[in-house]
Protein backbone atom coordinates (compact mmCIF):
# COMPACT_ATOMS: atom_id res chain seq x y z
CA MET A 1 -38.64 -38.70 140.52
CA TYR A 2 -38.05 -38.80 136.77
CA LYS A 3 -41.00 -39.50 134.45
CA TYR A 4 -40.09 -41.44 131.30
CA HIS A 5 -40.37 -39.64 127.98
CA LEU A 6 -39.59 -40.83 124.47
CA PRO A 7 -36.08 -39.72 123.43
CA LYS A 8 -36.78 -36.74 121.17
CA PRO A 9 -33.83 -34.31 120.93
CA ILE A 10 -34.10 -30.91 122.58
CA VAL A 11 -32.46 -28.39 120.24
CA ILE A 12 -30.51 -25.46 121.72
CA ASP A 13 -29.33 -22.68 119.40
CA LEU A 14 -25.69 -21.69 119.97
CA SER A 15 -25.40 -19.04 117.26
CA GLY A 16 -25.36 -15.29 117.82
CA GLU A 17 -23.41 -13.27 120.36
CA GLU A 18 -24.40 -15.32 123.41
CA GLY A 19 -23.57 -18.64 121.73
CA PHE A 20 -20.26 -17.27 120.46
CA GLU A 21 -19.27 -16.22 123.98
CA LEU A 22 -20.01 -19.71 125.28
CA ARG A 23 -17.96 -21.25 122.48
CA LYS A 24 -15.02 -18.99 123.29
CA LYS A 25 -15.25 -19.89 126.98
CA ALA A 26 -15.16 -23.60 126.10
CA VAL A 27 -11.94 -23.13 124.12
CA GLU A 28 -10.34 -21.15 126.97
CA PHE A 29 -11.39 -23.81 129.48
CA VAL A 30 -9.81 -26.68 127.54
CA GLU A 31 -6.59 -24.73 127.02
CA LYS A 32 -6.21 -24.79 130.81
CA THR A 33 -7.32 -28.37 131.44
CA LYS A 34 -6.24 -30.58 128.52
CA VAL A 35 -6.67 -34.27 129.38
CA LYS A 36 -4.20 -36.70 127.84
CA GLY A 37 -4.56 -40.42 127.12
CA LYS A 38 -5.40 -42.80 124.29
CA GLU A 39 -9.14 -42.58 124.86
CA ALA A 40 -9.33 -39.05 126.25
CA GLY A 41 -10.34 -37.54 122.93
CA ASN A 42 -8.43 -34.85 121.09
CA VAL A 43 -8.60 -31.15 121.96
CA GLU A 44 -11.50 -30.65 119.57
CA GLU A 45 -13.52 -33.46 121.17
CA GLN A 46 -12.73 -32.22 124.67
CA THR A 47 -13.90 -28.74 123.65
CA TYR A 48 -17.18 -30.18 122.36
CA GLY A 49 -17.68 -31.86 125.72
CA ILE A 50 -17.00 -28.81 127.88
CA LEU A 51 -19.17 -26.63 125.62
CA ALA A 52 -22.06 -29.08 126.07
CA GLU A 53 -21.53 -29.04 129.84
CA MET A 54 -21.48 -25.23 129.89
CA VAL A 55 -24.72 -25.08 127.90
CA ILE A 56 -26.45 -27.61 130.19
CA ARG A 57 -25.31 -25.72 133.29
CA LYS A 58 -26.55 -22.42 131.88
CA MET A 59 -29.94 -23.85 130.93
CA LEU A 60 -30.34 -25.36 134.41
CA GLY A 61 -29.28 -22.16 136.20
CA LEU A 62 -26.06 -23.71 137.54
CA PRO A 63 -22.69 -21.92 137.83
CA GLU A 64 -20.11 -22.32 135.09
CA PRO A 65 -17.45 -25.00 135.63
CA ASP A 66 -14.21 -23.74 137.14
CA PRO A 67 -11.13 -25.08 135.33
CA GLU A 68 -8.99 -24.42 138.38
CA GLY A 69 -11.50 -25.53 141.00
CA GLU A 70 -10.29 -28.10 143.51
CA ASP A 71 -13.62 -29.91 143.34
CA ARG A 72 -13.41 -30.46 139.57
CA GLU A 73 -14.04 -34.19 139.16
CA LEU A 74 -12.53 -36.37 136.42
CA GLY A 75 -15.40 -38.86 136.16
CA TRP A 76 -18.47 -36.62 136.17
CA ASP A 77 -19.54 -33.04 135.45
CA ILE A 78 -22.64 -32.14 137.48
CA LYS A 79 -24.09 -33.41 140.75
CA LEU A 80 -27.88 -33.35 140.50
CA PRO A 81 -30.19 -32.37 143.42
CA PHE A 82 -30.69 -36.00 144.54
CA GLY A 83 -26.93 -36.67 144.56
CA ILE A 84 -26.74 -38.34 141.14
CA LYS A 85 -23.42 -37.80 139.36
CA LEU A 86 -24.01 -36.73 135.76
CA ASP A 87 -21.43 -36.87 132.97
CA VAL A 88 -22.28 -34.87 129.83
CA LYS A 89 -21.20 -36.62 126.62
CA CYS A 90 -20.91 -34.84 123.29
CA ARG A 91 -19.75 -35.66 119.80
CA GLY A 92 -20.67 -33.83 116.65
CA GLY A 93 -20.23 -32.80 113.05
CA THR A 94 -21.75 -30.74 110.28
CA LEU A 95 -25.06 -32.62 110.18
CA PRO A 96 -27.95 -32.15 112.60
CA PHE A 97 -28.72 -35.06 114.91
CA GLN A 98 -30.92 -37.51 113.04
CA GLU A 99 -32.92 -40.18 114.83
CA GLU A 100 -32.81 -42.13 111.56
CA TYR A 101 -30.61 -41.61 108.52
CA GLY A 102 -30.51 -42.94 105.00
CA GLY A 103 -28.25 -45.68 103.70
CA SER A 104 -27.88 -48.20 100.91
CA GLY A 105 -30.93 -50.21 99.90
CA GLU A 106 -33.31 -47.33 100.64
CA LEU A 107 -33.65 -48.56 104.22
CA ASN A 108 -33.16 -46.13 107.11
CA ARG A 109 -30.64 -46.78 109.88
CA GLU A 110 -31.26 -45.99 113.53
CA ALA A 111 -29.00 -43.42 115.24
CA LYS A 112 -26.44 -44.42 117.84
CA HIS A 113 -24.19 -42.79 120.41
CA ASN A 114 -20.59 -43.72 121.14
CA PHE A 115 -18.62 -44.00 124.36
CA TRP A 116 -14.89 -44.46 124.82
CA ALA A 117 -14.75 -47.97 126.31
CA ARG A 118 -12.06 -47.05 128.83
CA GLN A 119 -14.30 -44.36 130.29
CA ILE A 120 -17.04 -46.92 130.90
CA TRP A 121 -14.86 -49.62 132.45
CA ASP A 122 -12.52 -47.40 134.50
CA GLU A 123 -13.92 -47.64 138.04
CA ARG A 124 -12.23 -44.36 138.98
CA LEU A 125 -14.63 -42.57 136.65
CA ASP A 126 -17.64 -42.86 138.91
CA ALA A 127 -20.49 -41.19 137.01
CA ASP A 128 -23.95 -42.60 137.72
CA ILE A 129 -25.58 -41.48 134.48
CA TYR A 130 -24.66 -39.99 131.11
CA LEU A 131 -26.48 -37.18 129.31
CA MET A 132 -26.01 -37.72 125.57
CA THR A 133 -25.70 -34.67 123.30
CA HIS A 134 -24.70 -33.86 119.72
CA LEU A 135 -23.09 -30.63 118.48
CA GLU A 136 -23.97 -29.45 114.98
CA THR A 137 -21.30 -27.21 113.47
CA PRO A 138 -20.95 -25.16 110.26
CA LYS A 139 -19.24 -26.83 107.32
CA PRO A 140 -15.46 -26.28 107.39
CA GLU A 141 -13.69 -24.40 104.62
CA SER A 142 -11.24 -27.29 104.20
CA ALA A 143 -11.03 -30.96 105.23
CA GLY A 144 -11.77 -31.89 108.84
CA LYS A 145 -14.17 -30.25 111.26
CA THR A 146 -14.94 -26.60 111.94
CA PRO A 147 -12.73 -25.57 114.88
CA LEU A 148 -14.25 -23.90 117.90
CA PRO A 149 -15.07 -21.16 118.63
CA GLY A 150 -15.88 -20.34 114.99
CA THR A 151 -17.17 -16.83 114.34
CA GLU A 152 -20.03 -14.76 115.70
CA ARG A 153 -21.63 -14.54 112.25
CA GLN A 154 -21.92 -18.32 111.81
CA ARG A 155 -25.49 -19.53 112.30
CA LYS A 156 -25.20 -23.30 112.19
CA TRP A 157 -24.20 -24.00 115.79
CA LYS A 158 -26.74 -26.15 117.63
CA LEU A 159 -26.65 -28.56 120.58
CA TYR A 160 -29.04 -31.52 120.55
CA VAL A 161 -29.82 -32.97 123.99
CA CYS A 162 -30.92 -36.54 123.31
CA GLY A 163 -31.53 -38.22 126.69
CA TRP A 164 -29.85 -40.02 129.57
CA VAL A 165 -28.78 -43.54 130.48
CA SER A 166 -27.15 -45.14 133.52
CA LYS A 167 -23.51 -46.16 133.36
CA GLU A 168 -24.39 -49.71 134.42
CA ARG A 169 -26.86 -50.13 131.58
CA VAL A 170 -24.25 -49.01 129.06
CA LYS A 171 -21.96 -51.68 130.53
CA LYS A 172 -24.69 -54.31 130.34
CA GLU A 173 -26.18 -53.54 126.93
CA GLY A 174 -23.73 -51.49 124.90
CA VAL A 175 -21.80 -53.21 122.12
CA TYR A 176 -18.02 -53.03 122.58
CA LEU A 177 -16.05 -52.64 119.34
CA PRO A 178 -12.24 -52.69 119.51
CA ARG A 179 -10.00 -50.29 117.64
CA GLY A 180 -10.16 -51.05 113.90
CA ALA A 181 -13.70 -52.48 113.95
CA ILE A 182 -15.82 -50.98 111.19
CA THR A 183 -19.11 -49.13 111.48
CA GLU A 184 -21.58 -47.85 108.90
CA GLN A 185 -22.46 -44.19 108.45
CA GLY A 186 -24.87 -43.43 105.63
CA ASN A 187 -23.37 -44.94 102.49
CA ARG A 188 -19.85 -45.32 103.82
CA TRP A 189 -17.94 -47.54 106.21
CA PHE A 190 -15.03 -46.48 108.39
CA PRO A 191 -12.85 -48.08 111.09
CA TYR A 192 -12.94 -46.89 114.68
CA ARG A 193 -9.70 -45.25 115.81
CA GLY A 194 -10.32 -46.11 119.45
CA HIS A 195 -12.06 -48.73 121.60
CA GLU A 196 -15.74 -47.81 121.37
CA ILE A 197 -19.08 -48.81 122.86
CA GLU A 198 -22.19 -48.27 120.74
CA PHE A 199 -25.53 -47.47 122.39
CA TYR A 200 -28.61 -46.67 120.33
CA ASN A 201 -30.53 -43.42 120.74
CA GLN A 202 -33.98 -45.02 120.78
CA HIS A 203 -33.13 -46.76 124.06
CA LEU A 204 -32.22 -43.59 125.98
CA ASN A 205 -34.48 -42.04 128.59
CA GLY A 206 -35.83 -38.90 126.92
CA LEU A 207 -36.57 -35.48 128.41
CA ALA A 208 -39.77 -33.50 127.86
CA GLN A 209 -37.77 -30.44 128.92
CA LEU A 210 -34.18 -30.09 130.02
CA LYS A 211 -34.99 -29.41 133.68
CA ASP A 212 -36.48 -32.94 133.91
CA ILE A 213 -32.90 -34.20 134.35
CA LEU A 214 -32.92 -32.54 137.79
CA GLU A 215 -35.61 -35.01 138.90
CA VAL A 216 -33.49 -38.15 138.40
CA ASP A 217 -32.93 -39.88 141.74
CA LYS A 218 -31.29 -43.08 142.97
CA LYS A 219 -34.40 -45.17 142.37
CA ASP A 220 -34.60 -43.98 138.76
CA VAL A 221 -30.98 -44.99 138.20
CA GLU A 222 -31.53 -48.41 139.76
CA GLU A 223 -34.63 -49.01 137.62
CA ASP A 224 -32.71 -48.04 134.49
CA GLU A 225 -29.93 -50.48 135.40
CA LYS A 226 -32.50 -53.31 135.61
CA LYS A 227 -34.20 -52.70 132.26
CA ALA A 228 -34.66 -55.64 129.90
CA MET A 229 -32.12 -56.18 127.14
CA ASN A 230 -32.46 -53.88 124.11
CA LEU A 231 -31.03 -54.30 120.60
CA HIS A 232 -28.05 -52.04 119.92
CA LEU A 233 -27.66 -52.63 116.20
CA THR A 234 -29.34 -51.04 113.22
CA SER A 235 -32.24 -53.16 112.01
CA VAL A 236 -30.32 -53.64 108.77
CA ASP A 237 -27.21 -54.94 110.55
CA ALA A 238 -29.28 -57.26 112.76
CA ILE A 239 -30.67 -58.94 109.65
CA ARG A 240 -27.25 -59.03 107.97
CA ILE A 241 -25.82 -60.82 110.99
CA ALA A 242 -28.72 -63.28 111.11
CA ILE A 243 -28.26 -64.13 107.40
CA GLY A 244 -24.57 -64.79 108.02
CA LEU A 245 -25.30 -66.99 111.03
CA ILE A 246 -27.81 -69.02 109.03
CA GLY A 247 -24.99 -69.73 106.59
CA HIS A 248 -22.85 -70.91 109.51
CA GLY A 249 -25.62 -73.21 110.71
CA VAL A 250 -26.14 -71.24 113.95
CA LEU A 251 -29.65 -69.88 113.26
CA LYS A 252 -32.68 -71.20 111.42
CA GLU A 253 -34.01 -69.38 108.36
CA ASP A 254 -37.22 -68.27 110.09
CA VAL A 255 -35.17 -65.92 112.31
CA VAL A 256 -34.79 -63.47 109.41
CA GLU A 257 -38.56 -63.21 108.96
CA PHE A 258 -38.96 -62.80 112.72
CA LEU A 259 -36.48 -59.92 112.69
CA LYS A 260 -38.08 -58.23 109.69
CA GLU A 261 -41.46 -58.31 111.42
CA LYS A 262 -40.13 -57.36 114.86
CA LEU A 263 -37.98 -54.50 113.53
CA ASN A 264 -40.50 -53.38 110.90
CA VAL A 265 -38.13 -53.84 107.97
CA ASN A 266 -39.88 -53.81 104.62
CA GLY A 267 -37.55 -54.36 101.71
CA GLN A 268 -34.41 -56.20 100.76
CA VAL A 269 -31.51 -55.71 103.15
CA PRO A 270 -28.44 -54.66 101.14
CA PRO A 271 -25.20 -56.59 101.54
CA ILE A 272 -22.00 -55.02 102.80
CA LEU A 273 -20.10 -55.98 99.63
CA HIS A 274 -21.22 -54.64 96.24
CA PRO A 275 -23.79 -56.67 94.21
CA ASN A 276 -21.24 -57.04 91.42
CA GLN A 277 -19.04 -59.07 93.77
CA HIS A 278 -21.94 -61.40 94.52
CA HIS A 279 -22.66 -61.84 90.82
CA HIS A 280 -18.97 -62.49 90.14
CA LEU A 281 -18.91 -65.30 92.71
CA LEU A 282 -21.95 -66.99 91.19
CA LYS A 283 -20.50 -66.72 87.69
CA TRP A 284 -17.31 -68.36 88.92
CA LEU A 285 -19.26 -71.09 90.73
CA LYS A 286 -21.32 -71.68 87.59
CA ASP A 287 -18.10 -72.12 85.60
CA LYS A 288 -17.04 -74.74 88.17
CA GLY A 289 -20.37 -76.51 87.88
CA LYS A 290 -21.56 -75.68 91.40
CA VAL A 291 -24.52 -73.41 90.53
CA THR A 292 -26.91 -73.05 87.58
CA GLU A 293 -28.30 -70.18 85.54
CA GLU A 294 -31.46 -70.48 87.64
CA ASP A 295 -29.42 -69.69 90.74
CA ILE A 296 -28.08 -66.54 89.08
CA LYS A 297 -31.63 -65.49 88.17
CA LYS A 298 -32.61 -65.90 91.82
CA LEU A 299 -29.80 -63.52 92.77
CA GLU A 300 -30.94 -61.02 90.13
CA LYS A 301 -34.32 -60.79 91.89
CA ILE A 302 -32.52 -59.77 95.07
CA MET A 303 -29.73 -57.55 93.71
CA GLN A 304 -28.84 -56.36 90.22
CA GLU A 305 -25.43 -56.24 88.60
CA VAL A 306 -24.30 -52.67 87.82
CA ALA A 307 -22.66 -51.77 84.49
CA TYR A 308 -19.96 -49.14 84.18
CA SER A 309 -21.04 -45.61 83.28
CA GLU A 310 -19.48 -42.16 83.60
């Protein structure tokens, strides 16, 4: 039986000769088993995934996956001792996994994980639980990501094992965002290129050590599926949404204060649009006689107009 642990990433070093050999094996594996489809992920993403699976198998003393094996399943990667079907998920980039990261307004944002929506809702993909991981890679010499396997001399290859969650809880709680929906990352926004589901790291089931995943049984999965609703938004976005809904007459103003206290947000939540755009609107409204100079001064206490400078 699994014992709950706070989700603190387990860091596995993939540099050096041994890590390089694993990275090469992952590339060779994907060359033999490329999966096609809109939400399958590109070759790079598939290689990240198989590398993470290979690392997990090695750390647990399990045999390497066989790309030509007849028992190779599409919907899951590893069958655990109690019969639970585990699918290892991995995305990555040049930064280490951060449980919180900086953003505008000097307020931290909580980390999230992403799923391809089709993989969650396709009943043929019958995983019971997902193990969420993040691959840190060296910085590329040009635009894009550093291709696997990299070189033996590169040191910045690390796998972060973050925790697990049941497929049914991702269905129940995760936030579906269609292709083209925008998401925030640090100080920038970008549109999703596929249909995504966001699930926040703080709501995963953590692991004190990697072998704890072997203890997950059917009862653990069922209990995870029944957990109470969690918030899968950054605290900043939750307050932004509430402010917008107050303007639409959906929520009362005291909801914002409730959220700030509940989510421990101290400070002014920055808007999505630049402060200069807010100031421009109020100047225009003042010219039309709809607001006063006092209203503009109120805005200045919340956000300041920025002058041009080199």
